[in-house]
Amino acid sequence: MATMIRAGIRKRIFLGVLLLSLMPGMVLAAGESRKQEKKREKEKPELTKRVYFGGYLGLQFGTITDIMLSPMVGYRFTPRLNAGVGFTYEYYQDNTWQPKYTTSLYGPRVFARYLVIASFSNILPINYNGGIFFHVEYEALNMDDNYFGNTTPSPGEGGRFWMNSVLLGGGLRQPISRTGSINFLVLFYVGDNAYTPYSNPIFRIEFSF
C-alpha cells in the first residue's frame, strides 16, 4: 500500500513539474502569437485584399443524384469578422420513380462568421495555425412543389415555392496560403418546416481564396 501511495505521489509530482516546465513555453508562444495578430489587426489592407472568393461543391450519386454548386464572395471587415453572399444551384434526381423525377433548386444566401480562435498556436504549445469560427447563414431556395411540396411527385402539376432557412454552426479553418483556406463546417437547420431539403447535421467542405 505504501509503495502504491509513493508511486502515486511521484506521478503527481512528475505531472506538476511537467506542467510547470511547459507553462513558460505556453505563455511565450501565446504572447508572441498575440503580438503578431495585433500587428496584423493594426495593418489596414487594401480593399482588394479584403474581398475574397470561394464556395463549395456537393456530389451524390446512386438512388438519389444530387449535384450542388454554391459560389460565394465575402468581405473581411476585420481579421476575425467577415460576411458575404452566395448563390446555390442544385440538380436533384430521384431514381426510385418511373420515369426518373428530376428538378432543380436555386437561390441566394447571405452569411457571417466570426473567428473565435484565430490559431491554436495562440493558446496551445503546438505548431498548428488552424482556427475555430462561428457561422450564421440565411438562405432562400426556390423549390419544386411537385416534389418537395407533395408526398408524390406529379410532373406537369403544381408550381414552385420559396423555402427560407436559417443555418447555425461553426467550423475549422485551415489556412493554405496568406489569404486562402479550407473550411470544414458543421451546420444545423433551425426550424421545423416539413419541406426543408436539409437533414441535421449538415457537413460542408468549403474553399476560399
C-alpha atoms as a PDB file:
ATOM      1  CA  MET A   1       0.000   0.000   0.000  1.00  0.00           C
ATOM      2  CA  ALA A   2       2.800   2.398   0.965  1.00  0.00           C
ATOM      3  CA  THR A   3       4.561   1.620  -2.295  1.00  0.00           C
ATOM      4  CA  MET A   4       1.398   2.437  -4.278  1.00  0.00           C
ATOM      5  CA  ILE A   5       0.968   5.702  -2.396  1.00  0.00           C
ATOM      6  CA  ARG A   6       4.582   6.703  -3.036  1.00  0.00           C
ATOM      7  CA  ALA A   7       4.140   5.810  -6.720  1.00  0.00           C
ATOM      8  CA  GLY A   8       1.025   7.968  -6.865  1.00  0.00           C
ATOM      9  CA  ILE A   9       2.847  10.870  -5.238  1.00  0.00           C
ATOM     10  CA  ARG A  10       5.725  10.539  -7.699  1.00  0.00           C
ATOM     11  CA  LYS A  11       3.258  10.647 -10.617  1.00  0.00           C
ATOM     12  CA  ARG A  12       1.603  13.781  -9.252  1.00  0.00           C
ATOM     13  CA  ILE A  13       4.985  15.399  -8.667  1.00  0.00           C
ATOM     14  CA  PHE A  14       6.091  14.440 -12.181  1.00  0.00           C
ATOM     15  CA  LEU A  15       2.906  15.867 -13.733  1.00  0.00           C
ATOM     16  CA  GLY A  16       3.291  19.019 -11.692  1.00  0.00           C
ATOM     17  CA  VAL A  17       6.884  19.513 -12.805  1.00  0.00           C
ATOM     18  CA  LEU A  18       5.899  18.792 -16.400  1.00  0.00           C
ATOM     19  CA  LEU A  19       3.134  21.408 -16.344  1.00  0.00           C
ATOM     20  CA  LEU A  20       5.443  23.960 -14.706  1.00  0.00           C
ATOM     21  CA  SER A  21       8.106  23.306 -17.327  1.00  0.00           C
ATOM     22  CA  LEU A  22       5.600  23.713 -20.177  1.00  0.00           C
ATOM     23  CA  MET A  23       3.886  26.802 -18.802  1.00  0.00           C
ATOM     24  CA  PRO A  24       6.632  29.337 -19.718  1.00  0.00           C
ATOM     25  CA  GLY A  25       6.686  27.991 -23.262  1.00  0.00           C
ATOM     26  CA  MET A  26       2.890  28.193 -23.490  1.00  0.00           C
ATOM     27  CA  VAL A  27       2.845  31.774 -22.208  1.00  0.00           C
ATOM     28  CA  LEU A  28       5.730  32.787 -24.507  1.00  0.00           C
ATOM     29  CA  ALA A  29       4.153  31.147 -27.593  1.00  0.00           C
ATOM     30  CA  ALA A  30       0.764  32.681 -26.836  1.00  0.00           C
ATOM     31  CA  GLY A  31       2.335  36.099 -26.200  1.00  0.00           C
ATOM     32  CA  GLU A  32       4.270  36.071 -29.459  1.00  0.00           C
ATOM     33  CA  SER A  33       1.241  34.901 -31.451  1.00  0.00           C
ATOM     34  CA  ARG A  34      -0.968  37.607 -29.909  1.00  0.00           C
ATOM     35  CA  LYS A  35       1.623  40.258 -30.724  1.00  0.00           C
ATOM     36  CA  GLN A  36       1.720  39.105 -34.346  1.00  0.00           C
ATOM     37  CA  GLU A  37      -2.073  39.048 -34.504  1.00  0.00           C
ATOM     38  CA  LYS A  38      -2.377  42.549 -33.022  1.00  0.00           C
ATOM     39  CA  LYS A  39       0.189  43.760 -35.554  1.00  0.00           C
ATOM     40  CA  ARG A  40      -1.894  42.321 -38.417  1.00  0.00           C
ATOM     41  CA  GLU A  41      -5.057  43.912 -36.994  1.00  0.00           C
ATOM     42  CA  LYS A  42      -3.386  47.344 -36.988  1.00  0.00           C
ATOM     43  CA  GLU A  43      -2.424  46.960 -40.599  1.00  0.00           C
ATOM     44  CA  LYS A  44      -5.135  48.214 -42.956  1.00  0.00           C
ATOM     45  CA  PRO A  45      -5.141  46.021 -46.051  1.00  0.00           C
ATOM     46  CA  GLU A  46      -6.254  47.362 -49.396  1.00  0.00           C
ATOM     47  CA  LEU A  47      -9.851  46.904 -50.462  1.00  0.00           C
ATOM     48  CA  THR A  48      -8.901  44.200 -52.951  1.00  0.00           C
ATOM     49  CA  LYS A  49      -7.225  42.202 -50.167  1.00  0.00           C
ATOM     50  CA  ARG A  50     -10.343  42.378 -48.009  1.00  0.00           C
ATOM     51  CA  VAL A  51     -12.502  40.768 -50.704  1.00  0.00           C
ATOM     52  CA  TYR A  52     -12.308  37.017 -51.140  1.00  0.00           C
ATOM     53  CA  PHE A  53     -13.983  34.365 -53.288  1.00  0.00           C
ATOM     54  CA  GLY A  54     -14.799  30.725 -52.764  1.00  0.00           C
ATOM     55  CA  GLY A  55     -17.625  28.274 -52.369  1.00  0.00           C
ATOM     56  CA  TYR A  56     -18.350  24.598 -52.122  1.00  0.00           C
ATOM     57  CA  LEU A  57     -19.375  21.699 -54.348  1.00  0.00           C
ATOM     58  CA  GLY A  58     -21.582  18.766 -53.354  1.00  0.00           C
ATOM     59  CA  LEU A  59     -21.835  15.465 -55.223  1.00  0.00           C
ATOM     60  CA  GLN A  60     -24.025  12.433 -54.539  1.00  0.00           C
ATOM     61  CA  PHE A  61     -24.751   9.556 -56.915  1.00  0.00           C
ATOM     62  CA  GLY A  62     -26.899   6.474 -56.587  1.00  0.00           C
ATOM     63  CA  THR A  63     -30.600   6.173 -55.859  1.00  0.00           C
ATOM     64  CA  ILE A  64     -30.570   9.937 -55.392  1.00  0.00           C
ATOM     65  CA  THR A  65     -28.399  12.019 -57.698  1.00  0.00           C
ATOM     66  CA  ASP A  66     -27.609  15.355 -56.099  1.00  0.00           C
ATOM     67  CA  ILE A  67     -25.171  17.845 -57.635  1.00  0.00           C
ATOM     68  CA  MET A  68     -24.752  21.162 -55.834  1.00  0.00           C
ATOM     69  CA  LEU A  69     -22.668  24.210 -56.721  1.00  0.00           C
ATOM     70  CA  SER A  70     -22.533  27.258 -54.446  1.00  0.00           C
ATOM     71  CA  PRO A  71     -20.036  30.037 -55.263  1.00  0.00           C
ATOM     72  CA  MET A  72     -19.642  32.964 -52.866  1.00  0.00           C
ATOM     73  CA  VAL A  73     -17.918  36.324 -52.397  1.00  0.00           C
ATOM     74  CA  GLY A  74     -17.030  37.712 -48.986  1.00  0.00           C
ATOM     75  CA  TYR A  75     -15.582  40.775 -47.302  1.00  0.00           C
ATOM     76  CA  ARG A  76     -13.177  40.836 -44.337  1.00  0.00           C
ATOM     77  CA  PHE A  77     -14.285  43.642 -42.019  1.00  0.00           C
ATOM     78  CA  THR A  78     -11.564  42.666 -39.537  1.00  0.00           C
ATOM     79  CA  PRO A  79      -9.110  39.747 -39.377  1.00  0.00           C
ATOM     80  CA  ARG A  80     -11.751  37.906 -37.312  1.00  0.00           C
ATOM     81  CA  LEU A  81     -15.104  39.098 -38.721  1.00  0.00           C
ATOM     82  CA  ASN A  82     -16.246  38.578 -42.301  1.00  0.00           C
ATOM     83  CA  ALA A  83     -19.514  38.298 -44.178  1.00  0.00           C
ATOM     84  CA  GLY A  84     -20.635  37.600 -47.708  1.00  0.00           C
ATOM     85  CA  VAL A  85     -23.216  36.475 -50.215  1.00  0.00           C
ATOM     86  CA  GLY A  86     -23.550  33.418 -52.388  1.00  0.00           C
ATOM     87  CA  PHE A  87     -25.813  31.628 -54.811  1.00  0.00           C
ATOM     88  CA  THR A  88     -26.738  27.958 -54.691  1.00  0.00           C
ATOM     89  CA  TYR A  89     -27.780  25.767 -57.596  1.00  0.00           C
ATOM     90  CA  GLU A  90     -28.688  22.128 -57.058  1.00  0.00           C
ATOM     91  CA  TYR A  91     -29.631  19.445 -59.570  1.00  0.00           C
ATOM     92  CA  TYR A  92     -31.741  16.737 -57.939  1.00  0.00           C
ATOM     93  CA  GLN A  93     -32.797  13.403 -59.454  1.00  0.00           C
ATOM     94  CA  ASP A  94     -34.795  10.694 -57.709  1.00  0.00           C
ATOM     95  CA  ASN A  95     -34.247   7.351 -59.448  1.00  0.00           C
ATOM     96  CA  THR A  96     -36.857   5.498 -57.381  1.00  0.00           C
ATOM     97  CA  TRP A  97     -39.649   6.943 -59.529  1.00  0.00           C
ATOM     98  CA  GLN A  98     -40.527   5.740 -63.026  1.00  0.00           C
ATOM     99  CA  PRO A  99     -39.830   7.738 -65.041  1.00  0.00           C
ATOM    100  CA  LYS A 100     -36.986   9.299 -63.082  1.00  0.00           C
ATOM    101  CA  TYR A 101     -38.002  12.547 -61.458  1.00  0.00           C
ATOM    102  CA  THR A 102     -35.647  15.487 -61.890  1.00  0.00           C
ATOM    103  CA  THR A 103     -35.824  19.016 -60.551  1.00  0.00           C
ATOM    104  CA  SER A 104     -33.638  21.978 -59.667  1.00  0.00           C
ATOM    105  CA  LEU A 105     -33.216  24.068 -56.541  1.00  0.00           C
ATOM    106  CA  TYR A 106     -31.673  27.537 -56.611  1.00  0.00           C
ATOM    107  CA  GLY A 107     -31.474  30.730 -54.639  1.00  0.00           C
ATOM    108  CA  PRO A 108     -29.321  33.285 -52.806  1.00  0.00           C
ATOM    109  CA  ARG A 109     -27.721  33.095 -49.381  1.00  0.00           C
ATOM    110  CA  VAL A 110     -26.043  35.546 -47.019  1.00  0.00           C
ATOM    111  CA  PHE A 111     -23.712  34.620 -44.192  1.00  0.00           C
ATOM    112  CA  ALA A 112     -21.492  35.994 -41.445  1.00  0.00           C
ATOM    113  CA  ARG A 113     -18.765  34.306 -39.441  1.00  0.00           C
ATOM    114  CA  TYR A 114     -16.506  35.200 -36.561  1.00  0.00           C
ATOM    115  CA  LEU A 115     -13.103  33.643 -35.938  1.00  0.00           C
ATOM    116  CA  VAL A 116     -13.184  32.720 -32.249  1.00  0.00           C
ATOM    117  CA  ILE A 117      -9.733  31.119 -32.224  1.00  0.00           C
ATOM    118  CA  ALA A 118      -7.500  32.573 -34.907  1.00  0.00           C
ATOM    119  CA  SER A 119      -4.798  29.940 -34.368  1.00  0.00           C
ATOM    120  CA  PHE A 120      -4.447  27.067 -31.917  1.00  0.00           C
ATOM    121  CA  SER A 121      -0.809  28.063 -31.509  1.00  0.00           C
ATOM    122  CA  ASN A 122      -2.142  31.135 -29.652  1.00  0.00           C
ATOM    123  CA  ILE A 123      -3.434  29.013 -26.777  1.00  0.00           C
ATOM    124  CA  LEU A 124      -1.553  25.721 -27.006  1.00  0.00           C
ATOM    125  CA  PRO A 125       2.182  24.898 -27.201  1.00  0.00           C
ATOM    126  CA  ILE A 126       1.772  23.393 -30.653  1.00  0.00           C
ATOM    127  CA  ASN A 127       2.709  24.489 -34.141  1.00  0.00           C
ATOM    128  CA  TYR A 128      -0.764  24.409 -35.679  1.00  0.00           C
ATOM    129  CA  ASN A 129      -2.257  27.522 -37.278  1.00  0.00           C
ATOM    130  CA  GLY A 130      -5.815  26.226 -37.737  1.00  0.00           C
ATOM    131  CA  GLY A 131      -8.675  28.098 -36.056  1.00  0.00           C
ATOM    132  CA  ILE A 132     -12.319  27.811 -34.990  1.00  0.00           C
ATOM    133  CA  PHE A 133     -15.162  30.062 -36.176  1.00  0.00           C
ATOM    134  CA  PHE A 134     -18.888  30.575 -35.613  1.00  0.00           C
ATOM    135  CA  HIS A 135     -21.143  30.716 -38.682  1.00  0.00           C
ATOM    136  CA  VAL A 136     -24.695  32.013 -39.246  1.00  0.00           C
ATOM    137  CA  GLU A 137     -26.467  31.872 -42.606  1.00  0.00           C
ATOM    138  CA  TYR A 138     -29.786  32.786 -44.178  1.00  0.00           C
ATOM    139  CA  GLU A 139     -30.755  31.028 -47.382  1.00  0.00           C
ATOM    140  CA  ALA A 140     -33.750  31.248 -49.711  1.00  0.00           C
ATOM    141  CA  LEU A 141     -34.223  28.266 -52.033  1.00  0.00           C
ATOM    142  CA  ASN A 142     -36.697  28.131 -54.882  1.00  0.00           C
ATOM    143  CA  MET A 143     -38.031  24.568 -54.884  1.00  0.00           C
ATOM    144  CA  ASP A 144     -40.358  22.427 -56.974  1.00  0.00           C
ATOM    145  CA  ASP A 145     -43.733  21.989 -55.307  1.00  0.00           C
ATOM    146  CA  ASN A 146     -44.309  18.842 -57.397  1.00  0.00           C
ATOM    147  CA  TYR A 147     -41.640  17.047 -55.419  1.00  0.00           C
ATOM    148  CA  PHE A 148     -40.841  18.854 -52.174  1.00  0.00           C
ATOM    149  CA  GLY A 149     -44.342  20.129 -51.512  1.00  0.00           C
ATOM    150  CA  ASN A 150     -46.171  16.818 -52.034  1.00  0.00           C
ATOM    151  CA  THR A 151     -45.544  13.254 -50.949  1.00  0.00           C
ATOM    152  CA  THR A 152     -45.938  12.002 -54.522  1.00  0.00           C
ATOM    153  CA  PRO A 153     -44.296  13.816 -57.461  1.00  0.00           C
ATOM    154  CA  SER A 154     -46.774  14.874 -60.117  1.00  0.00           C
ATOM    155  CA  PRO A 155     -44.976  16.143 -63.229  1.00  0.00           C
ATOM    156  CA  GLY A 156     -46.841  18.892 -65.016  1.00  0.00           C
ATOM    157  CA  GLU A 157     -48.835  19.955 -61.964  1.00  0.00           C
ATOM    158  CA  GLY A 158     -48.249  22.473 -59.230  1.00  0.00           C
ATOM    159  CA  GLY A 159     -45.540  25.110 -59.295  1.00  0.00           C
ATOM    160  CA  ARG A 160     -42.611  26.349 -57.282  1.00  0.00           C
ATOM    161  CA  PHE A 161     -42.235  27.902 -53.838  1.00  0.00           C
ATOM    162  CA  TRP A 162     -39.560  29.601 -51.720  1.00  0.00           C
ATOM    163  CA  MET A 163     -38.071  27.794 -48.755  1.00  0.00           C
ATOM    164  CA  ASN A 164     -36.400  30.126 -46.226  1.00  0.00           C
ATOM    165  CA  SER A 165     -33.772  28.573 -43.963  1.00  0.00           C
ATOM    166  CA  VAL A 166     -31.564  29.727 -41.097  1.00  0.00           C
ATOM    167  CA  LEU A 167     -28.403  27.674 -40.563  1.00  0.00           C
ATOM    168  CA  LEU A 168     -26.255  27.931 -37.430  1.00  0.00           C
ATOM    169  CA  GLY A 169     -22.992  26.251 -36.564  1.00  0.00           C
ATOM    170  CA  GLY A 170     -19.275  26.603 -36.913  1.00  0.00           C
ATOM    171  CA  GLY A 171     -16.200  25.038 -38.304  1.00  0.00           C
ATOM    172  CA  LEU A 172     -12.477  24.585 -38.540  1.00  0.00           C
ATOM    173  CA  ARG A 173     -10.445  26.989 -40.676  1.00  0.00           C
ATOM    174  CA  GLN A 174      -7.235  25.561 -42.126  1.00  0.00           C
ATOM    175  CA  PRO A 175      -5.099  28.227 -43.889  1.00  0.00           C
ATOM    176  CA  ILE A 176      -3.422  27.101 -47.104  1.00  0.00           C
ATOM    177  CA  SER A 177      -1.905  30.484 -48.024  1.00  0.00           C
ATOM    178  CA  ARG A 178      -1.751  34.029 -46.678  1.00  0.00           C
ATOM    179  CA  THR A 179      -5.391  34.673 -47.629  1.00  0.00           C
ATOM    180  CA  GLY A 180      -6.711  31.253 -48.703  1.00  0.00           C
ATOM    181  CA  SER A 181      -8.135  28.480 -46.558  1.00  0.00           C
ATOM    182  CA  ILE A 182     -10.081  25.239 -46.475  1.00  0.00           C
ATOM    183  CA  ASN A 183     -13.054  25.366 -44.106  1.00  0.00           C
ATOM    184  CA  PHE A 184     -14.767  22.328 -42.600  1.00  0.00           C
ATOM    185  CA  LEU A 185     -18.282  23.299 -41.442  1.00  0.00           C
ATOM    186  CA  VAL A 186     -20.931  21.599 -39.331  1.00  0.00           C
ATOM    187  CA  LEU A 187     -24.280  23.415 -39.545  1.00  0.00           C
ATOM    188  CA  PHE A 188     -27.780  22.856 -38.216  1.00  0.00           C
ATOM    189  CA  TYR A 189     -31.057  23.848 -39.819  1.00  0.00           C
ATOM    190  CA  VAL A 190     -33.112  25.907 -37.347  1.00  0.00           C
ATOM    191  CA  GLY A 191     -36.835  25.367 -37.809  1.00  0.00           C
ATOM    192  CA  ASP A 192     -39.464  22.684 -38.212  1.00  0.00           C
ATOM    193  CA  ASN A 193     -40.602  23.154 -41.808  1.00  0.00           C
ATOM    194  CA  ALA A 194     -41.504  19.761 -43.239  1.00  0.00           C
ATOM    195  CA  TYR A 195     -40.423  20.832 -46.737  1.00  0.00           C
ATOM    196  CA  THR A 196     -36.788  21.589 -45.889  1.00  0.00           C
ATOM    197  CA  PRO A 197     -34.256  19.708 -48.042  1.00  0.00           C
ATOM    198  CA  TYR A 198     -31.827  19.582 -45.119  1.00  0.00           C
ATOM    199  CA  SER A 199     -31.176  16.819 -42.623  1.00  0.00           C
ATOM    200  CA  ASN A 200     -29.200  17.754 -39.480  1.00  0.00           C
ATOM    201  CA  PRO A 201     -26.287  17.911 -39.139  1.00  0.00           C
ATOM    202  CA  ILE A 202     -25.145  19.479 -42.414  1.00  0.00           C
ATOM    203  CA  PHE A 203     -21.495  18.968 -43.397  1.00  0.00           C
ATOM    204  CA  ARG A 204     -19.609  21.174 -45.836  1.00  0.00           C
ATOM    205  CA  ILE A 205     -16.070  21.464 -47.145  1.00  0.00           C
ATOM    206  CA  GLU A 206     -15.547  24.987 -48.394  1.00  0.00           C
ATOM    207  CA  PHE A 207     -12.680  26.712 -50.171  1.00  0.00           C
ATOM    208  CA  SER A 208     -11.841  30.410 -50.057  1.00  0.00           C
ATOM    209  CA  PHE A 209      -9.037  32.447 -51.607  1.00  0.00           C
END
